[in-house]
Amino acid sequence: MSEQKSNAKKKALFICLGNICRSPIAEGVFQKTVADMNVTDQWEIDSAAIGSWHVGNPPDWRAIDTMKRHGVPYNNCARQIVAEDFHNFDYIFGMDEANMKDLKRKAPKDCKAKTATFLVILIRKEIDLSETHIMIATVKDLKNAINNQLGAPKDFYKV
């Protein structure tokens, strides 16, 4: 049984209000990172919207342009989160606190998914290269990294 569990795909869903800017970019970057690590077979990655305004539409042209400029391939259309997502995905990342409030309101009481505000996701391989881990930086960790190692927040590229 534990062998089956370790071979099961991990599933991550990225959520923003309309699924045409932030969540497709997060999905695309996560997919590219997973592909670059040669662990695509271990992940199912998707994005969705809180609202239904853009369902069926491709991402905003500026999001597509940003991904192209950074070598992030993307070929998905907007969809709205559904109740089954809370049971099918292991991780659901809201792009901001308003998304998190909406997710908490929509989540069934018995949902399997862990929800978290998307700040920074780092994927790394263990030394033995057998297991991939996700680590979510806290706001304090993010501020420390920005201020102490990477420069001031104003120096970051904003999408």
N, C-alpha and C. Protein backbone atom coordinates (compact mmCIF):
# COMPACT_ATOMS: atom_id res chain seq x y z
N MET A 1 0.82 -1.20 0.00
CA MET A 1 0.00 0.00 0.00
C MET A 1 0.86 1.26 0.00
N SER A 2 1.90 1.32 0.82
CA SER A 2 2.75 2.50 0.87
C SER A 2 3.50 2.69 -0.44
N GLU A 3 3.80 1.59 -1.14
CA GLU A 3 4.46 1.71 -2.44
C GLU A 3 3.53 2.38 -3.44
N GLN A 4 2.24 2.03 -3.41
CA GLN A 4 1.28 2.68 -4.28
C GLN A 4 1.19 4.16 -3.96
N LYS A 5 1.15 4.51 -2.71
CA LYS A 5 1.04 5.89 -2.29
C LYS A 5 2.21 6.71 -2.79
N SER A 6 3.44 6.16 -2.72
CA SER A 6 4.61 6.91 -3.14
C SER A 6 4.65 7.09 -4.65
N ASN A 7 3.96 6.22 -5.41
CA ASN A 7 3.92 6.35 -6.85
C ASN A 7 2.77 7.22 -7.34
N ALA A 8 1.87 7.61 -6.45
CA ALA A 8 0.73 8.43 -6.84
C ALA A 8 1.21 9.83 -7.23
N LYS A 9 0.57 10.38 -8.26
CA LYS A 9 0.91 11.74 -8.67
C LYS A 9 0.48 12.73 -7.60
N LYS A 10 1.30 13.74 -7.40
CA LYS A 10 0.92 14.86 -6.55
C LYS A 10 0.16 15.82 -7.46
N LYS A 11 -0.85 16.47 -6.91
CA LYS A 11 -1.70 17.33 -7.73
C LYS A 11 -1.78 18.73 -7.12
N ALA A 12 -1.43 19.73 -7.94
CA ALA A 12 -1.44 21.12 -7.51
C ALA A 12 -2.34 21.95 -8.41
N LEU A 13 -3.17 22.79 -7.79
CA LEU A 13 -4.09 23.66 -8.50
C LEU A 13 -3.83 25.10 -8.06
N PHE A 14 -3.69 25.99 -9.03
CA PHE A 14 -3.41 27.41 -8.76
C PHE A 14 -4.67 28.22 -9.08
N ILE A 15 -5.07 29.09 -8.15
CA ILE A 15 -6.34 29.80 -8.24
C ILE A 15 -6.14 31.31 -8.18
N CYS A 16 -6.80 32.03 -9.12
CA CYS A 16 -6.93 33.47 -9.00
C CYS A 16 -8.36 33.84 -9.38
N LEU A 17 -8.66 35.11 -9.43
CA LEU A 17 -10.04 35.53 -9.64
C LEU A 17 -10.61 35.09 -10.99
N GLY A 18 -9.87 35.32 -12.09
CA GLY A 18 -10.41 35.03 -13.41
C GLY A 18 -9.69 33.95 -14.20
N ASN A 19 -8.56 33.47 -13.71
CA ASN A 19 -7.77 32.42 -14.37
C ASN A 19 -7.26 32.85 -15.74
N ILE A 20 -6.90 34.15 -15.84
CA ILE A 20 -6.32 34.61 -17.10
C ILE A 20 -4.97 35.31 -16.92
N CYS A 21 -4.54 35.53 -15.69
CA CYS A 21 -3.24 36.20 -15.47
C CYS A 21 -2.35 35.44 -14.48
N ARG A 22 -2.62 35.63 -13.19
CA ARG A 22 -1.72 35.10 -12.17
C ARG A 22 -1.69 33.59 -12.09
N SER A 23 -2.85 32.95 -12.02
CA SER A 23 -2.84 31.49 -11.86
C SER A 23 -2.31 30.76 -13.09
N PRO A 24 -2.58 31.22 -14.33
CA PRO A 24 -1.94 30.54 -15.46
C PRO A 24 -0.42 30.69 -15.45
N ILE A 25 0.06 31.85 -15.03
CA ILE A 25 1.51 32.04 -14.95
C ILE A 25 2.10 31.11 -13.89
N ALA A 26 1.46 31.03 -12.72
CA ALA A 26 1.95 30.13 -11.67
C ALA A 26 1.92 28.68 -12.16
N GLU A 27 0.83 28.29 -12.83
CA GLU A 27 0.72 26.94 -13.39
C GLU A 27 1.84 26.68 -14.39
N GLY A 28 2.05 27.62 -15.31
CA GLY A 28 3.09 27.45 -16.34
C GLY A 28 4.48 27.35 -15.76
N VAL A 29 4.79 28.21 -14.81
CA VAL A 29 6.12 28.18 -14.17
C VAL A 29 6.31 26.87 -13.42
N PHE A 30 5.29 26.44 -12.69
CA PHE A 30 5.38 25.19 -11.95
C PHE A 30 5.57 24.02 -12.91
N GLN A 31 4.80 24.00 -14.03
CA GLN A 31 4.95 22.93 -15.02
C GLN A 31 6.34 22.92 -15.62
N LYS A 32 6.87 24.09 -15.94
CA LYS A 32 8.22 24.17 -16.53
C LYS A 32 9.26 23.69 -15.53
N THR A 33 9.12 24.08 -14.28
CA THR A 33 10.07 23.65 -13.25
C THR A 33 10.05 22.14 -13.10
N VAL A 34 8.86 21.56 -13.04
CA VAL A 34 8.70 20.12 -12.92
C VAL A 34 9.31 19.41 -14.14
N ALA A 35 9.06 19.97 -15.34
CA ALA A 35 9.62 19.39 -16.57
C ALA A 35 11.15 19.48 -16.57
N ASP A 36 11.68 20.63 -16.14
CA ASP A 36 13.14 20.81 -16.09
C ASP A 36 13.79 19.82 -15.12
N MET A 37 13.04 19.40 -14.12
CA MET A 37 13.56 18.44 -13.14
C MET A 37 13.31 16.99 -13.56
N ASN A 38 12.65 16.80 -14.72
CA ASN A 38 12.33 15.46 -15.21
C ASN A 38 11.45 14.67 -14.24
N VAL A 39 10.48 15.35 -13.62
CA VAL A 39 9.55 14.68 -12.72
C VAL A 39 8.09 14.93 -13.14
N THR A 40 7.89 15.21 -14.41
CA THR A 40 6.55 15.48 -14.93
C THR A 40 5.59 14.34 -14.64
N ASP A 41 6.11 13.12 -14.69
CA ASP A 41 5.26 11.95 -14.43
C ASP A 41 4.78 11.89 -12.98
N GLN A 42 5.35 12.71 -12.10
CA GLN A 42 4.97 12.70 -10.69
C GLN A 42 3.95 13.79 -10.34
N TRP A 43 3.58 14.63 -11.31
CA TRP A 43 2.73 15.77 -11.01
C TRP A 43 1.58 15.92 -11.99
N GLU A 44 0.46 16.38 -11.47
CA GLU A 44 -0.66 16.88 -12.26
C GLU A 44 -0.85 18.32 -11.82
N ILE A 45 -0.82 19.24 -12.77
CA ILE A 45 -0.82 20.67 -12.45
C ILE A 45 -1.89 21.35 -13.29
N ASP A 46 -2.66 22.23 -12.66
CA ASP A 46 -3.73 22.93 -13.37
C ASP A 46 -3.95 24.28 -12.69
N SER A 47 -4.80 25.09 -13.29
CA SER A 47 -5.20 26.35 -12.67
C SER A 47 -6.69 26.55 -12.93
N ALA A 48 -7.29 27.41 -12.12
CA ALA A 48 -8.73 27.68 -12.25
C ALA A 48 -9.04 29.04 -11.66
N ALA A 49 -10.28 29.47 -11.88
CA ALA A 49 -10.76 30.77 -11.43
C ALA A 49 -11.75 30.63 -10.29
N ILE A 50 -11.85 31.67 -9.51
CA ILE A 50 -12.92 31.78 -8.53
C ILE A 50 -14.23 32.07 -9.30
N GLY A 51 -14.18 33.03 -10.22
CA GLY A 51 -15.37 33.44 -10.97
C GLY A 51 -15.44 32.79 -12.35
N SER A 52 -16.56 32.99 -13.01
CA SER A 52 -16.80 32.33 -14.30
C SER A 52 -16.64 33.26 -15.50
N TRP A 53 -16.24 34.49 -15.31
CA TRP A 53 -16.22 35.49 -16.37
C TRP A 53 -15.42 35.08 -17.61
N HIS A 54 -14.31 34.40 -17.43
CA HIS A 54 -13.40 34.12 -18.54
C HIS A 54 -13.35 32.64 -18.94
N VAL A 55 -14.26 31.82 -18.43
CA VAL A 55 -14.23 30.38 -18.71
C VAL A 55 -14.14 30.14 -20.22
N GLY A 56 -13.20 29.29 -20.61
CA GLY A 56 -13.00 28.94 -22.02
C GLY A 56 -12.04 29.84 -22.77
N ASN A 57 -11.65 30.97 -22.16
CA ASN A 57 -10.74 31.90 -22.81
C ASN A 57 -9.28 31.57 -22.51
N PRO A 58 -8.38 31.90 -23.43
CA PRO A 58 -6.95 31.76 -23.14
C PRO A 58 -6.52 32.85 -22.16
N PRO A 59 -5.32 32.76 -21.62
CA PRO A 59 -4.85 33.81 -20.72
C PRO A 59 -4.78 35.17 -21.44
N ASP A 60 -4.80 36.22 -20.66
CA ASP A 60 -4.62 37.57 -21.15
C ASP A 60 -3.33 37.64 -21.97
N TRP A 61 -3.31 38.43 -23.02
CA TRP A 61 -2.15 38.49 -23.90
C TRP A 61 -0.88 38.89 -23.16
N ARG A 62 -1.03 39.71 -22.11
CA ARG A 62 0.16 40.12 -21.35
C ARG A 62 0.73 38.96 -20.55
N ALA A 63 -0.14 38.09 -20.04
CA ALA A 63 0.34 36.89 -19.33
C ALA A 63 1.06 35.96 -20.31
N ILE A 64 0.46 35.79 -21.50
CA ILE A 64 1.09 34.94 -22.52
C ILE A 64 2.44 35.51 -22.92
N ASP A 65 2.50 36.82 -23.13
CA ASP A 65 3.75 37.48 -23.51
C ASP A 65 4.81 37.31 -22.42
N THR A 66 4.40 37.47 -21.17
CA THR A 66 5.34 37.31 -20.05
C THR A 66 5.90 35.90 -20.01
N MET A 67 5.03 34.91 -20.18
CA MET A 67 5.49 33.51 -20.16
C MET A 67 6.43 33.24 -21.34
N LYS A 68 6.09 33.74 -22.52
CA LYS A 68 6.96 33.54 -23.69
C LYS A 68 8.33 34.15 -23.46
N ARG A 69 8.36 35.38 -22.91
CA ARG A 69 9.64 36.06 -22.67
C ARG A 69 10.52 35.29 -21.68
N HIS A 70 9.89 34.48 -20.85
CA HIS A 70 10.64 33.72 -19.85
C HIS A 70 10.75 32.24 -20.20
N GLY A 71 10.41 31.89 -21.43
CA GLY A 71 10.55 30.51 -21.88
C GLY A 71 9.61 29.53 -21.20
N VAL A 72 8.44 30.02 -20.81
CA VAL A 72 7.45 29.17 -20.14
C VAL A 72 6.35 28.83 -21.14
N PRO A 73 6.31 27.59 -21.63
CA PRO A 73 5.25 27.22 -22.56
C PRO A 73 3.90 27.12 -21.83
N TYR A 74 2.83 27.46 -22.55
CA TYR A 74 1.51 27.38 -21.92
C TYR A 74 0.44 27.15 -22.98
N ASN A 75 -0.45 26.22 -22.70
CA ASN A 75 -1.53 25.92 -23.64
C ASN A 75 -2.75 25.43 -22.86
N ASN A 76 -3.41 26.35 -22.19
CA ASN A 76 -4.58 26.00 -21.40
C ASN A 76 -5.58 27.14 -21.48
N CYS A 77 -6.82 26.88 -21.15
CA CYS A 77 -7.86 27.90 -21.14
C CYS A 77 -8.46 28.00 -19.73
N ALA A 78 -9.06 29.14 -19.48
CA ALA A 78 -9.63 29.40 -18.15
C ALA A 78 -10.78 28.44 -17.85
N ARG A 79 -10.85 28.06 -16.58
CA ARG A 79 -11.97 27.27 -16.08
C ARG A 79 -12.24 27.73 -14.66
N GLN A 80 -13.41 27.42 -14.16
CA GLN A 80 -13.79 27.78 -12.80
C GLN A 80 -13.58 26.58 -11.89
N ILE A 81 -13.14 26.84 -10.67
CA ILE A 81 -12.96 25.77 -9.69
C ILE A 81 -14.33 25.13 -9.41
N VAL A 82 -14.32 23.82 -9.23
CA VAL A 82 -15.54 23.07 -8.92
C VAL A 82 -15.31 22.28 -7.63
N ALA A 83 -16.38 21.83 -7.02
CA ALA A 83 -16.29 21.12 -5.73
C ALA A 83 -15.35 19.92 -5.80
N GLU A 84 -15.35 19.20 -6.92
CA GLU A 84 -14.50 18.01 -7.06
C GLU A 84 -13.02 18.34 -6.94
N ASP A 85 -12.64 19.58 -7.31
CA ASP A 85 -11.23 19.97 -7.21
C ASP A 85 -10.71 19.84 -5.78
N PHE A 86 -11.56 20.11 -4.81
CA PHE A 86 -11.14 20.04 -3.41
C PHE A 86 -10.88 18.59 -2.97
N HIS A 87 -11.39 17.66 -3.72
CA HIS A 87 -11.17 16.24 -3.43
C HIS A 87 -10.07 15.65 -4.32
N ASN A 88 -9.91 16.20 -5.51
CA ASN A 88 -8.96 15.64 -6.47
C ASN A 88 -7.54 16.18 -6.34
N PHE A 89 -7.37 17.40 -5.84
CA PHE A 89 -6.05 18.00 -5.74
C PHE A 89 -5.51 17.89 -4.32
N ASP A 90 -4.19 17.74 -4.24
CA ASP A 90 -3.52 17.69 -2.93
C ASP A 90 -3.28 19.09 -2.39
N TYR A 91 -2.95 20.02 -3.30
CA TYR A 91 -2.62 21.39 -2.92
C TYR A 91 -3.41 22.34 -3.80
N ILE A 92 -4.04 23.33 -3.17
CA ILE A 92 -4.72 24.40 -3.90
C ILE A 92 -4.14 25.71 -3.38
N PHE A 93 -3.53 26.47 -4.31
CA PHE A 93 -2.85 27.71 -3.96
C PHE A 93 -3.66 28.90 -4.46
N GLY A 94 -4.13 29.74 -3.54
CA GLY A 94 -4.77 30.99 -3.90
C GLY A 94 -3.70 32.05 -4.13
N MET A 95 -3.92 32.91 -5.11
CA MET A 95 -2.91 33.92 -5.44
C MET A 95 -2.90 35.10 -4.48
N ASP A 96 -3.96 35.27 -3.71
CA ASP A 96 -3.98 36.35 -2.72
C ASP A 96 -4.97 36.00 -1.61
N GLU A 97 -5.06 36.86 -0.62
CA GLU A 97 -5.91 36.59 0.54
C GLU A 97 -7.40 36.57 0.17
N ALA A 98 -7.81 37.39 -0.79
CA ALA A 98 -9.22 37.36 -1.22
C ALA A 98 -9.54 36.00 -1.84
N ASN A 99 -8.61 35.46 -2.64
CA ASN A 99 -8.81 34.12 -3.21
C ASN A 99 -8.91 33.09 -2.11
N MET A 100 -8.08 33.23 -1.07
CA MET A 100 -8.10 32.27 0.03
C MET A 100 -9.45 32.31 0.77
N LYS A 101 -9.99 33.49 0.97
CA LYS A 101 -11.30 33.60 1.63
C LYS A 101 -12.37 32.91 0.78
N ASP A 102 -12.31 33.14 -0.54
CA ASP A 102 -13.27 32.49 -1.44
C ASP A 102 -13.10 30.97 -1.42
N LEU A 103 -11.85 30.51 -1.42
CA LEU A 103 -11.60 29.07 -1.39
C LEU A 103 -12.13 28.45 -0.10
N LYS A 104 -11.90 29.10 1.02
CA LYS A 104 -12.39 28.58 2.30
C LYS A 104 -13.91 28.52 2.32
N ARG A 105 -14.55 29.50 1.69
CA ARG A 105 -16.00 29.52 1.62
C ARG A 105 -16.53 28.40 0.72
N LYS A 106 -15.83 28.11 -0.38
CA LYS A 106 -16.27 27.10 -1.34
C LYS A 106 -15.89 25.67 -0.94
N ALA A 107 -14.88 25.52 -0.10
CA ALA A 107 -14.35 24.19 0.21
C ALA A 107 -15.35 23.36 1.00
N PRO A 108 -15.58 22.12 0.56
CA PRO A 108 -16.41 21.21 1.35
C PRO A 108 -15.71 20.88 2.67
N LYS A 109 -16.48 20.57 3.69
CA LYS A 109 -15.90 20.28 5.00
C LYS A 109 -14.95 19.09 4.99
N ASP A 110 -15.18 18.14 4.12
CA ASP A 110 -14.35 16.93 4.09
C ASP A 110 -13.31 16.94 2.97
N CYS A 111 -12.89 18.14 2.54
CA CYS A 111 -11.97 18.19 1.40
C CYS A 111 -10.59 17.65 1.76
N LYS A 112 -9.95 17.06 0.77
CA LYS A 112 -8.62 16.49 0.95
C LYS A 112 -7.52 17.54 0.73
N ALA A 113 -7.78 18.53 -0.10
CA ALA A 113 -6.76 19.49 -0.51
C ALA A 113 -6.29 20.35 0.66
N LYS A 114 -5.00 20.62 0.66
CA LYS A 114 -4.42 21.59 1.57
C LYS A 114 -4.43 22.91 0.81
N THR A 115 -4.91 23.98 1.43
CA THR A 115 -4.93 25.27 0.76
C THR A 115 -3.90 26.18 1.40
N ALA A 116 -3.29 27.03 0.57
CA ALA A 116 -2.28 27.96 1.06
C ALA A 116 -2.20 29.14 0.10
N THR A 117 -1.85 30.31 0.64
CA THR A 117 -1.60 31.45 -0.21
C THR A 117 -0.30 31.22 -0.94
N PHE A 118 -0.31 31.46 -2.23
CA PHE A 118 0.88 31.25 -3.05
C PHE A 118 1.81 32.43 -2.88
N LEU A 119 2.95 32.19 -2.27
CA LEU A 119 3.97 33.23 -2.15
C LEU A 119 5.15 32.83 -3.01
N VAL A 120 5.84 31.83 -2.57
CA VAL A 120 7.00 31.32 -3.29
C VAL A 120 6.95 29.81 -3.15
N ILE A 121 7.11 29.12 -4.25
CA ILE A 121 7.22 27.67 -4.17
C ILE A 121 8.60 27.29 -4.66
N LEU A 122 9.28 26.53 -3.87
CA LEU A 122 10.59 26.04 -4.25
C LEU A 122 10.50 24.53 -4.38
N ILE A 123 10.93 24.01 -5.50
CA ILE A 123 10.96 22.56 -5.66
C ILE A 123 12.42 22.18 -5.65
N ARG A 124 12.74 21.18 -4.87
CA ARG A 124 14.12 20.71 -4.83
C ARG A 124 14.13 19.20 -4.75
N LYS A 125 15.22 18.63 -5.14
CA LYS A 125 15.36 17.19 -5.03
C LYS A 125 16.19 16.89 -3.78
N GLU A 126 15.85 15.80 -3.15
CA GLU A 126 16.66 15.33 -2.04
C GLU A 126 18.00 14.87 -2.59
N ILE A 127 18.98 14.71 -1.74
CA ILE A 127 20.32 14.30 -2.17
C ILE A 127 20.27 12.99 -2.95
N ASP A 128 19.41 12.07 -2.54
CA ASP A 128 19.34 10.79 -3.25
C ASP A 128 18.51 10.88 -4.53
N LEU A 129 17.97 12.07 -4.84
CA LEU A 129 17.20 12.33 -6.05
C LEU A 129 15.96 11.45 -6.19
N SER A 130 15.48 10.91 -5.11
CA SER A 130 14.34 10.01 -5.21
C SER A 130 13.00 10.67 -4.88
N GLU A 131 13.03 11.82 -4.26
CA GLU A 131 11.76 12.41 -3.85
C GLU A 131 11.78 13.92 -4.04
N THR A 132 10.73 14.44 -4.58
CA THR A 132 10.58 15.88 -4.76
C THR A 132 9.74 16.42 -3.62
N HIS A 133 10.11 17.57 -3.13
CA HIS A 133 9.37 18.18 -2.03
C HIS A 133 8.91 19.57 -2.43
N ILE A 134 7.80 19.99 -1.88
CA ILE A 134 7.35 21.37 -2.04
C ILE A 134 7.56 22.04 -0.71
N MET A 135 8.12 23.22 -0.76
CA MET A 135 8.23 24.02 0.45
C MET A 135 7.58 25.36 0.18
N ILE A 136 6.75 25.80 1.08
CA ILE A 136 6.08 27.08 0.94
C ILE A 136 6.71 28.04 1.92
N ALA A 137 7.22 29.14 1.39
CA ALA A 137 7.84 30.14 2.25
C ALA A 137 6.77 30.91 2.99
N THR A 138 7.02 31.21 4.24
CA THR A 138 6.10 32.06 5.00
C THR A 138 6.37 33.51 4.61
N VAL A 139 5.46 34.40 4.98
CA VAL A 139 5.65 35.82 4.69
C VAL A 139 6.96 36.30 5.32
N LYS A 140 7.23 35.89 6.56
CA LYS A 140 8.46 36.30 7.23
C LYS A 140 9.68 35.78 6.48
N ASP A 141 9.65 34.49 6.05
CA ASP A 141 10.76 33.93 5.28
C ASP A 141 10.96 34.69 3.98
N LEU A 142 9.86 35.02 3.31
CA LEU A 142 9.94 35.72 2.04
C LEU A 142 10.55 37.10 2.24
N LYS A 143 10.08 37.82 3.26
CA LYS A 143 10.62 39.16 3.52
C LYS A 143 12.11 39.08 3.86
N ASN A 144 12.50 38.09 4.67
CA ASN A 144 13.92 37.93 5.01
C ASN A 144 14.75 37.64 3.77
N ALA A 145 14.27 36.76 2.91
CA ALA A 145 15.00 36.42 1.70
C ALA A 145 15.14 37.64 0.80
N ILE A 146 14.06 38.38 0.66
CA ILE A 146 14.09 39.56 -0.21
C ILE A 146 15.04 40.61 0.36
N ASN A 147 14.88 40.92 1.62
CA ASN A 147 15.67 42.00 2.21
C ASN A 147 17.12 41.63 2.45
N ASN A 148 17.40 40.40 2.85
CA ASN A 148 18.75 40.02 3.22
C ASN A 148 19.59 39.45 2.08
N GLN A 149 18.95 38.81 1.10
CA GLN A 149 19.72 38.13 0.08
C GLN A 149 19.49 38.65 -1.32
N LEU A 150 18.28 39.09 -1.61
CA LEU A 150 17.94 39.36 -2.99
C LEU A 150 17.70 40.83 -3.30
N GLY A 151 17.81 41.70 -2.31
CA GLY A 151 17.55 43.10 -2.56
C GLY A 151 16.16 43.50 -2.10
N ALA A 152 15.83 44.76 -2.27
CA ALA A 152 14.55 45.29 -1.82
C ALA A 152 13.41 44.81 -2.71
N PRO A 153 12.18 44.75 -2.15
CA PRO A 153 11.03 44.32 -2.94
C PRO A 153 10.83 45.12 -4.22
N LYS A 154 11.18 46.43 -4.21
CA LYS A 154 10.99 47.26 -5.41
C LYS A 154 11.85 46.80 -6.57
N ASP A 155 12.89 45.98 -6.28
CA ASP A 155 13.78 45.50 -7.33
C ASP A 155 13.25 44.27 -8.05
N PHE A 156 12.15 43.73 -7.58
CA PHE A 156 11.60 42.50 -8.17
C PHE A 156 10.73 42.81 -9.36
N TYR A 157 10.74 41.92 -10.32
CA TYR A 157 9.88 42.01 -11.50
C TYR A 157 8.48 41.63 -11.05
N LYS A 158 7.50 42.48 -11.33
CA LYS A 158 6.13 42.21 -10.91
C LYS A 158 5.31 41.83 -12.11
N VAL A 159 4.47 40.81 -11.93
CA VAL A 159 3.55 40.39 -12.99
C VAL A 159 2.15 40.80 -12.57
